[in-house]
Amino acid sequence: MEEEKASNTTATNEECCKDNCCSENYKKYKHGNANGGGAIYGLGFIGAAIYFIGHAATFGLGILGFLKAIVWPAFVIYKLLEFFHL
């Protein structure tokens, strides 16, 4: 009985959202989003901004540090690929 109940709650969006997505179907199929990556990126952004701006000697380098803080994941991926020779 438990397995049948669990399998009923895993439906596709097409099955669930035929008529009215935010009515009883919403409660039945439990639309949720697992978007925890934004929090990790946000904390990384704050840390990178503090680091880069804190090490800036001029206002212009502070602005450059802020821009670097926005794109820090690209630097990390580039260095990882360079390290692994990919």
Protein backbone atom coordinates (compact mmCIF):
# COMPACT_ATOMS: atom_id res chain seq x y z
CA MET A 1 0.00 0.00 0.00
CA GLU A 2 2.85 2.39 0.87
CA GLU A 3 4.60 1.71 -2.45
CA GLU A 4 1.41 2.38 -4.37
CA LYS A 5 0.91 5.65 -2.52
CA ALA A 6 4.51 6.70 -3.17
CA SER A 7 4.27 5.88 -6.85
CA ASN A 8 1.13 8.00 -7.14
CA THR A 9 2.96 11.08 -5.91
CA THR A 10 5.66 10.91 -8.58
CA ALA A 11 3.83 12.18 -11.63
CA THR A 12 5.05 14.30 -14.47
CA ASN A 13 4.08 17.93 -14.81
CA GLU A 14 1.81 17.04 -17.72
CA GLU A 15 -0.22 14.66 -15.55
CA CYS A 16 -0.37 17.05 -12.66
CA CYS A 17 -0.92 20.35 -14.42
CA LYS A 18 -3.64 19.35 -16.87
CA ASP A 19 -6.41 21.38 -15.33
CA ASN A 20 -5.32 23.62 -12.51
CA CYS A 21 -1.78 23.31 -11.23
CA CYS A 22 -2.28 25.15 -7.98
CA SER A 23 -5.37 23.42 -6.69
CA GLU A 24 -5.59 20.00 -5.08
CA ASN A 25 -3.05 18.61 -7.56
CA TYR A 26 -0.42 20.89 -6.05
CA LYS A 27 -0.89 19.29 -2.66
CA LYS A 28 -1.18 15.81 -4.10
CA TYR A 29 1.99 15.83 -6.22
CA LYS A 30 4.04 18.16 -4.02
CA HIS A 31 5.64 20.49 -6.53
CA GLY A 32 8.80 21.61 -4.86
CA ASN A 33 12.05 22.99 -6.03
CA ALA A 34 15.40 22.04 -4.65
CA ASN A 35 17.31 25.14 -5.51
CA GLY A 36 20.03 25.22 -2.88
CA GLY A 37 22.73 26.19 -5.36
CA GLY A 38 21.72 29.83 -5.18
CA ALA A 39 22.54 29.98 -1.48
CA ILE A 40 25.98 28.46 -2.06
CA TYR A 41 26.69 30.88 -4.90
CA GLY A 42 25.47 33.79 -2.78
CA LEU A 43 27.76 32.93 0.12
CA GLY A 44 30.64 32.45 -2.31
CA PHE A 45 29.88 35.81 -3.88
CA ILE A 46 29.93 37.57 -0.52
CA GLY A 47 33.19 35.91 0.46
CA ALA A 48 34.81 36.66 -2.90
CA ALA A 49 33.64 40.28 -2.81
CA ILE A 50 35.10 40.77 0.67
CA TYR A 51 38.37 39.16 -0.41
CA PHE A 52 38.80 41.01 -3.72
CA ILE A 53 37.61 44.40 -2.48
CA GLY A 54 39.65 44.06 0.71
CA HIS A 55 42.82 43.53 -1.31
CA ALA A 56 42.13 46.43 -3.69
CA ALA A 57 44.50 49.38 -3.44
CA THR A 58 42.37 51.82 -5.46
CA PHE A 59 38.71 52.44 -6.17
CA GLY A 60 39.12 51.09 -9.71
CA LEU A 61 40.61 47.86 -8.40
CA GLY A 62 37.70 47.64 -5.95
CA ILE A 63 35.24 47.80 -8.86
CA LEU A 64 37.31 45.17 -10.70
CA GLY A 65 37.23 43.06 -7.52
CA PHE A 66 33.45 43.31 -7.40
CA LEU A 67 33.22 42.16 -11.02
CA LYS A 68 35.58 39.27 -10.27
CA ALA A 69 33.37 38.30 -7.33
CA ILE A 70 30.41 37.95 -9.71
CA VAL A 71 32.24 35.53 -12.04
CA TRP A 72 34.39 33.65 -9.51
CA PRO A 73 32.95 30.21 -10.44
CA ALA A 74 34.37 30.65 -13.94
CA PHE A 75 37.84 31.15 -12.44
CA VAL A 76 37.45 28.02 -10.32
CA ILE A 77 36.34 25.85 -13.25
CA TYR A 78 39.14 27.19 -15.44
CA LYS A 79 41.79 26.42 -12.81
CA LEU A 80 40.34 22.93 -12.19
CA LEU A 81 40.39 22.11 -15.90
CA GLU A 82 43.92 23.49 -16.15
CA PHE A 83 44.99 21.38 -13.15
CA PHE A 84 43.52 18.18 -14.60
CA HIS A 85 44.92 18.98 -18.08
CA LEU A 86 41.50 18.77 -19.75
